Protein backbone atom coordinates (compact mmCIF):
# COMPACT_ATOMS: atom_id res chain seq x y z
CA MET A 1 29.47 45.29 -35.30
CA ASP A 2 32.72 43.44 -35.43
CA TYR A 3 33.88 39.61 -35.28
CA LYS A 4 34.38 39.87 -31.48
CA GLU A 5 30.70 41.13 -31.10
CA ALA A 6 29.68 38.14 -33.22
CA GLY A 7 31.65 35.86 -30.58
CA VAL A 8 35.12 35.27 -32.05
CA ASP A 9 38.01 36.91 -30.59
CA VAL A 10 41.02 37.43 -33.10
CA GLU A 11 43.08 39.16 -30.70
CA ALA A 12 42.58 36.37 -28.27
CA GLY A 13 43.52 33.67 -30.64
CA ARG A 14 46.82 35.45 -31.19
CA ALA A 15 47.52 35.54 -27.65
CA PHE A 16 46.75 31.98 -27.15
CA VAL A 17 49.27 31.16 -29.94
CA ASP A 18 52.06 32.96 -28.48
CA ASN A 19 51.18 31.36 -25.48
CA ILE A 20 51.91 27.82 -26.45
CA ARG A 21 54.57 28.81 -28.65
CA ASN A 22 57.06 27.50 -26.35
CA LEU A 23 55.30 24.35 -25.84
CA VAL A 24 55.11 23.77 -29.40
CA HIS A 25 58.74 24.29 -30.17
CA SER A 26 59.95 22.16 -27.01
CA THR A 27 58.70 19.08 -29.11
CA PHE A 28 60.63 19.81 -32.12
CA ARG A 29 63.02 17.23 -34.00
CA SER A 30 66.11 18.24 -35.71
CA GLU A 31 64.08 17.25 -38.93
CA VAL A 32 61.55 20.11 -38.28
CA LEU A 33 61.92 23.43 -40.68
CA GLY A 34 60.75 26.75 -39.55
CA GLY A 35 58.56 27.21 -36.47
CA LEU A 36 55.16 27.90 -35.42
CA GLY A 37 53.11 30.61 -37.49
CA GLY A 38 53.10 29.42 -41.13
CA PHE A 39 50.41 28.19 -43.30
CA GLY A 40 51.81 24.62 -43.13
CA GLY A 41 54.27 22.90 -41.04
CA CYS A 42 57.68 21.56 -42.77
CA PHE A 43 59.37 18.38 -42.10
CA GLN A 44 62.51 16.95 -43.81
CA LEU A 45 62.41 13.44 -43.98
CA PRO A 46 65.16 11.48 -42.02
CA SER A 47 68.42 10.11 -43.76
CA GLY A 48 69.19 6.22 -43.77
CA TYR A 49 65.94 4.99 -45.43
CA GLU A 50 66.18 3.07 -48.77
CA GLN A 51 62.69 3.02 -49.50
CA PRO A 52 60.55 5.16 -47.01
CA VAL A 53 57.02 4.37 -46.47
CA LEU A 54 55.08 7.35 -44.88
CA VAL A 55 52.08 5.98 -42.42
CA SER A 56 49.62 8.27 -41.24
CA GLY A 57 46.83 7.92 -38.30
CA THR A 58 43.94 10.27 -37.13
CA ASP A 59 41.53 9.84 -34.09
CA GLY A 60 40.16 11.70 -31.07
CA VAL A 61 39.56 11.48 -27.47
CA GLY A 62 35.66 10.87 -27.77
CA THR A 63 33.54 11.16 -24.82
CA LYS A 64 36.06 10.96 -22.21
CA LEU A 65 36.15 14.88 -23.05
CA LYS A 66 32.90 15.10 -21.29
CA ILE A 67 34.61 14.32 -18.03
CA ALA A 68 37.28 16.49 -18.27
CA HIS A 69 34.94 19.50 -19.13
CA MET A 70 32.90 18.43 -16.00
CA LEU A 71 35.80 18.13 -13.73
CA ASN A 72 37.66 21.20 -15.44
CA CYS A 73 40.53 19.17 -15.69
CA HIS A 74 42.50 19.42 -19.04
CA ASP A 75 46.13 18.60 -18.69
CA THR A 76 45.78 14.60 -19.56
CA VAL A 77 43.23 14.90 -22.55
CA GLY A 78 46.00 15.81 -24.93
CA ILE A 79 48.30 12.92 -23.87
CA ASP A 80 45.16 10.64 -24.65
CA LEU A 81 44.81 12.38 -28.38
CA VAL A 82 48.69 11.81 -29.11
CA ALA A 83 48.28 8.16 -27.81
CA MET A 84 45.35 7.18 -30.05
CA CYS A 85 47.20 8.38 -32.94
CA VAL A 86 51.00 7.23 -32.45
CA ASN A 87 49.99 3.84 -31.07
CA ASP A 88 47.87 3.17 -34.49
CA VAL A 89 50.94 4.28 -36.54
CA LEU A 90 53.19 2.07 -34.36
CA THR A 91 51.37 -0.93 -35.19
CA SER A 92 52.72 -0.90 -38.88
CA GLY A 93 56.50 -0.77 -37.46
CA ALA A 94 56.47 3.00 -38.20
CA GLU A 95 58.42 5.50 -35.88
CA PRO A 96 55.81 8.55 -35.51
CA LEU A 97 57.68 12.00 -36.82
CA PHE A 98 55.29 14.56 -36.33
CA PHE A 99 51.88 15.24 -35.23
CA LEU A 100 49.07 17.97 -35.68
CA ASP A 101 46.03 18.72 -33.45
CA TYR A 102 42.84 20.48 -34.35
CA LEU A 103 41.25 21.93 -31.37
CA ALA A 104 37.54 23.62 -31.58
CA THR A 105 35.73 25.40 -28.95
CA GLY A 106 32.73 28.02 -28.66
CA LYS A 107 34.89 30.41 -26.88
CA LEU A 108 38.73 30.34 -26.79
CA GLU A 109 39.42 30.22 -22.78
CA LYS A 110 43.46 30.70 -22.56
CA GLU A 111 44.12 28.88 -19.56
CA GLN A 112 41.94 25.92 -20.33
CA LEU A 113 43.30 25.18 -23.83
CA THR A 114 46.75 26.02 -22.75
CA GLN A 115 46.48 23.07 -20.21
CA VAL A 116 45.02 20.86 -23.31
CA VAL A 117 48.23 21.81 -25.14
CA GLU A 118 50.31 21.07 -22.53
CA GLY A 119 49.32 17.56 -22.90
CA VAL A 120 49.45 17.20 -26.25
CA ALA A 121 53.11 18.44 -26.17
CA THR A 122 53.73 15.94 -23.02
CA GLY A 123 52.23 13.14 -25.34
CA CYS A 124 54.45 14.11 -28.04
CA LYS A 125 57.53 14.13 -26.03
CA GLN A 126 56.62 10.47 -24.86
CA ALA A 127 56.37 9.62 -28.42
CA GLY A 128 59.35 11.01 -29.71
CA CYS A 129 57.40 12.98 -32.30
CA ALA A 130 57.21 16.88 -33.16
CA LEU A 131 54.24 18.90 -32.66
CA LEU A 132 54.67 20.35 -35.91
CA GLY A 133 51.31 22.82 -35.96
CA GLY A 134 47.53 22.66 -35.47
CA GLU A 135 44.47 24.74 -35.63
CA THR A 136 42.40 26.21 -32.90
CA ALA A 137 38.84 27.17 -34.11
CA GLU A 138 36.52 29.41 -32.29
CA MET A 139 32.87 28.56 -33.21
CA PRO A 140 30.50 30.32 -31.01
CA GLY A 141 27.06 28.68 -30.74
CA PHE A 142 28.40 25.31 -32.26
CA TYR A 143 29.81 23.98 -28.72
CA GLN A 144 28.56 24.93 -25.01
CA VAL A 145 30.21 27.27 -22.91
CA GLY A 146 33.56 25.69 -21.40
CA GLU A 147 33.36 22.88 -23.91
CA TYR A 148 35.89 22.02 -26.61
CA ASP A 149 36.45 19.04 -29.10
CA LEU A 150 40.23 17.49 -29.99
CA ALA A 151 41.01 15.69 -32.92
CA GLY A 152 45.14 14.41 -34.04
CA PHE A 153 46.76 13.59 -37.01
CA CYS A 154 49.96 11.52 -37.12
CA VAL A 155 52.92 10.81 -39.74
CA GLY A 156 55.38 8.09 -39.07
CA ILE A 157 58.07 6.47 -41.14
CA VAL A 158 59.28 2.89 -41.80
CA GLU A 159 61.52 1.16 -44.05
CA LYS A 160 59.21 -0.59 -46.81
CA SER A 161 60.91 -4.18 -46.30
CA ARG A 162 60.09 -3.79 -42.68
CA MET A 163 56.66 -2.61 -42.75
CA LEU A 164 54.12 -4.73 -40.99
CA ASP A 165 51.14 -5.82 -42.83
CA GLY A 166 49.82 -9.12 -41.68
CA SER A 167 51.78 -10.92 -44.06
CA GLN A 168 54.77 -11.81 -41.85
CA VAL A 169 52.44 -13.57 -39.01
CA GLN A 170 52.87 -17.34 -38.96
CA LEU A 171 50.95 -20.09 -37.13
CA GLY A 172 52.43 -20.56 -33.76
CA ASP A 173 53.38 -17.05 -33.12
CA VAL A 174 53.05 -16.04 -29.63
CA ALA A 175 51.22 -12.87 -28.63
CA ILE A 176 52.82 -10.79 -25.72
CA ALA A 177 50.87 -8.27 -23.83
CA LEU A 178 51.93 -4.79 -22.87
CA PRO A 179 49.40 -3.62 -19.87
CA SER A 180 47.04 -0.73 -20.52
CA SER A 181 47.18 2.10 -17.80
CA GLY A 182 43.25 1.94 -17.44
CA VAL A 183 40.25 2.27 -19.60
CA HIS A 184 42.52 4.28 -21.97
CA SER A 185 40.12 6.42 -24.46
CA ASN A 186 37.46 3.95 -25.50
CA GLY A 187 34.12 2.99 -24.01
CA PHE A 188 33.38 6.18 -22.06
CA SER A 189 29.71 6.45 -23.49
CA LEU A 190 29.06 3.41 -21.00
CA VAL A 191 31.49 4.41 -18.19
CA ARG A 192 29.25 7.79 -18.34
CA LYS A 193 25.91 5.80 -18.52
CA ILE A 194 26.70 3.62 -15.71
CA ILE A 195 28.15 6.48 -13.55
CA SER A 196 24.83 8.16 -14.22
CA ASP A 197 22.45 5.51 -13.76
CA GLN A 198 24.04 4.56 -10.38
CA GLY A 199 23.60 8.00 -9.07
CA LEU A 200 27.28 8.38 -8.68
CA SER A 201 29.65 11.39 -8.68
CA TRP A 202 33.37 11.86 -10.13
CA SER A 203 34.17 12.82 -6.84
CA ASP A 204 33.30 9.66 -5.42
CA THR A 205 36.06 7.31 -3.92
CA PRO A 206 35.08 3.61 -4.14
CA GLU A 207 37.39 1.59 -1.78
CA VAL A 208 38.36 -0.69 -4.56
CA PHE A 209 40.71 2.48 -5.82
CA GLY A 210 42.38 3.28 -2.83
CA GLY A 211 41.24 6.61 -1.87
CA LYS A 212 41.36 7.94 -5.63
CA THR A 213 38.00 9.28 -6.90
CA LEU A 214 36.41 8.27 -10.07
CA GLY A 215 37.40 11.34 -11.68
CA GLU A 216 41.12 10.67 -11.24
CA ILE A 217 40.57 7.06 -12.23
CA PHE A 218 39.08 7.81 -15.64
CA LEU A 219 41.03 10.38 -16.69
CA THR A 220 44.20 8.46 -16.42
CA PRO A 221 45.57 9.04 -19.82
CA THR A 222 46.08 6.76 -22.41
CA HIS A 223 49.86 4.93 -22.22
CA ILE A 224 52.08 5.75 -25.31
CA TYR A 225 53.86 2.85 -26.15
CA VAL A 226 56.25 4.17 -28.97
CA LYS A 227 59.78 4.09 -27.45
CA PRO A 228 59.70 0.68 -25.88
CA VAL A 229 58.46 -0.99 -29.17
CA ILE A 230 60.45 1.01 -31.19
CA ALA A 231 63.57 -0.05 -29.06
CA ALA A 232 62.47 -3.59 -29.34
CA ILE A 233 62.50 -3.31 -33.42
CA LYS A 234 65.92 -1.85 -33.52
CA ALA A 235 67.30 -4.22 -31.00
CA GLY A 236 66.54 -6.97 -33.78
CA PHE A 237 63.35 -8.97 -32.42
CA ASP A 238 61.58 -10.52 -34.88
CA ILE A 239 58.31 -8.82 -34.46
CA HIS A 240 56.01 -10.27 -37.11
CA GLY A 241 52.48 -8.15 -35.79
CA MET A 242 51.11 -5.57 -33.78
CA ALA A 243 47.63 -4.46 -32.50
CA HIS A 244 46.41 -1.46 -30.53
CA ILE A 245 43.44 -2.25 -28.53
CA THR A 246 41.29 0.40 -28.65
CA GLY A 247 37.40 0.59 -29.40
CA GLY A 248 36.10 -3.03 -29.91
CA GLY A 249 38.65 -4.68 -27.26
CA LEU A 250 40.62 -7.78 -28.19
CA PRO A 251 38.00 -9.14 -30.22
CA GLU A 252 37.98 -6.34 -32.94
CA ASN A 253 41.52 -5.20 -33.02
CA LEU A 254 43.89 -8.34 -32.51
CA PRO A 255 42.24 -10.05 -36.11
CA ARG A 256 43.71 -6.49 -37.52
CA CYS A 257 47.15 -8.01 -37.43
CA LEU A 258 46.48 -11.22 -39.00
CA SER A 259 46.92 -12.98 -42.57
CA ALA A 260 44.19 -14.79 -43.87
CA GLY A 261 43.32 -18.22 -42.41
CA GLN A 262 44.61 -17.13 -39.00
CA GLY A 263 43.05 -16.70 -35.50
CA ILE A 264 44.33 -16.12 -32.14
CA ARG A 265 43.62 -18.20 -28.99
CA ILE A 266 43.81 -16.27 -25.94
CA ASN A 267 44.16 -17.49 -22.42
CA PRO A 268 41.95 -15.18 -20.01
CA ASN A 269 43.63 -16.17 -16.89
CA SER A 270 47.09 -15.33 -18.31
CA TRP A 271 47.03 -11.64 -17.15
CA GLN A 272 45.51 -9.73 -14.14
CA ILE A 273 42.63 -7.72 -15.00
CA PRO A 274 42.60 -4.25 -13.26
CA PRO A 275 40.20 -3.50 -10.67
CA VAL A 276 38.57 -0.70 -12.90
CA PHE A 277 37.32 -3.34 -15.15
CA SER A 278 35.77 -5.40 -12.65
CA TRP A 279 34.05 -2.53 -10.66
CA LEU A 280 32.30 -1.23 -14.15
CA ALA A 281 31.32 -4.89 -14.80
CA THR A 282 29.56 -5.07 -11.47
CA THR A 283 28.32 -1.57 -10.75
CA GLY A 284 26.95 -1.56 -14.35
CA ASP A 285 25.93 -5.13 -14.61
CA VAL A 286 27.84 -5.47 -17.87
CA ASN A 287 27.98 -8.97 -18.89
CA PRO A 288 31.50 -10.69 -20.01
CA ALA A 289 31.14 -10.42 -23.57
CA ALA A 290 29.99 -6.69 -23.51
CA MET A 291 33.21 -6.13 -21.46
CA TYR A 292 35.76 -7.82 -23.85
CA ASN A 293 33.89 -6.11 -26.95
CA THR A 294 34.14 -2.63 -25.18
CA PHE A 295 37.23 -2.20 -23.10
CA ASN A 296 40.71 -3.01 -23.41
CA MET A 297 40.59 -5.41 -20.13
CA GLY A 298 44.00 -4.44 -18.88
CA ILE A 299 45.64 -5.04 -22.26
CA GLY A 300 46.79 -1.81 -24.48
CA PHE A 301 49.17 -3.17 -27.38
CA VAL A 302 50.04 -6.66 -28.46
CA LEU A 303 53.33 -8.05 -30.15
CA LEU A 304 53.40 -11.29 -32.36
CA VAL A 305 56.78 -12.97 -32.04
CA PRO A 306 58.18 -16.32 -33.05
CA PRO A 307 58.02 -18.46 -29.89
CA SER A 308 61.69 -18.76 -29.95
CA GLN A 309 61.96 -14.95 -28.87
CA SER A 310 59.15 -14.47 -26.70
CA MET A 311 61.00 -14.60 -23.39
CA GLU A 312 63.73 -12.38 -24.51
CA VAL A 313 60.93 -9.80 -25.80
CA ILE A 314 59.17 -9.92 -22.49
CA THR A 315 62.69 -9.19 -20.59
CA HIS A 316 63.17 -6.23 -23.07
CA PHE A 317 60.16 -4.74 -21.75
CA GLN A 318 60.33 -5.98 -18.04
CA SER A 319 63.73 -4.26 -17.73
CA GLN A 320 61.77 -1.06 -18.53
CA ASN A 321 59.39 -1.65 -16.11
CA ILE A 322 56.65 -3.00 -18.51
CA ALA A 323 54.75 -6.07 -17.04
CA ALA A 324 54.62 -7.62 -20.62
CA CYS A 325 53.22 -11.30 -20.43
CA ILE A 326 52.09 -14.14 -23.08
CA ILE A 327 48.50 -14.23 -23.27
CA GLY A 328 48.02 -16.58 -26.27
CA GLU A 329 49.31 -17.98 -29.70
CA VAL A 330 48.09 -17.63 -33.33
CA ILE A 331 46.19 -20.54 -34.72
CA SER A 332 44.36 -21.62 -37.87
CA GLY A 333 41.04 -19.51 -38.45
CA SER A 334 39.28 -17.11 -40.10
CA GLY A 335 40.06 -13.87 -38.04
CA GLU A 336 38.20 -15.40 -34.96
CA ILE A 337 39.47 -14.90 -31.26
CA VAL A 338 39.09 -18.13 -29.42
CA GLY A 339 39.19 -18.20 -25.21
CA ILE A 340 37.36 -14.90 -24.44
CA PRO A 341 33.73 -14.19 -23.73
CA MET A 342 32.25 -13.14 -27.56
């Protein structure tokens, strides 16, 4: 008996690494030292920082992967993985430098997992960070045939004096929202329950989605906000705080960028909620409070800026075809969000 008979194909693993080598190299920045295949990835810190602070973040894709498995569509979830990590790191004002992934599967299927890594590489290019390395684990008996799990880890950098930690936020600051591309990567246990309980198929095409299938709608990858937001920082806008709207929606994530004694008043009529959320609420009979506490409701990222700069910031994003809009302001409080169903 050998390792292959036990379910682990070492040669297939080596072939897979060779297969993705060019994908990984296509993401490299000038600071990357060495190539793929070492025991660790090496990255030289960029020059120009007086007190550089490294900011790290880790995340996964969640049960959205179940849809990818069922539809045998694997080229977008890697983008989701990168987005969930780099958008988090970005909220500190940090520029993502490099990313590592962990991919675990019951049986290594080269074509399937190459699609996954293609998505990871695409996400890294969108974020401007290097795919520095990763791990592919073949674990027979641990995962269902054809299924895999993903996790990722990102490191970014910011000048210590410019790091956002909530202390810069002031009463009266304006909340500017950047739209999401859809459900992103949170709330999929509820999405899948609604689809299942209603006897729907991922190939169904509800009229509201203009001919797209439910699978296409819900596999839309998470938007990556890094490049336009970093451009806004470099343009000199006085950004006081930022929030990535993930699990828990606006109620859970907006308070994370505030100082003590602050809350946010939100005007729920200030942005257009995408049809996917109205469809979920109606189809699943989900009440408004549960919707806002589960989904991003069309808002993927929020910046807090002084009122005097709000229109300039909006113009900056609109010039990049990002429909930014004012959704509220910072008020006195204790971390609560006023104006939306709770």
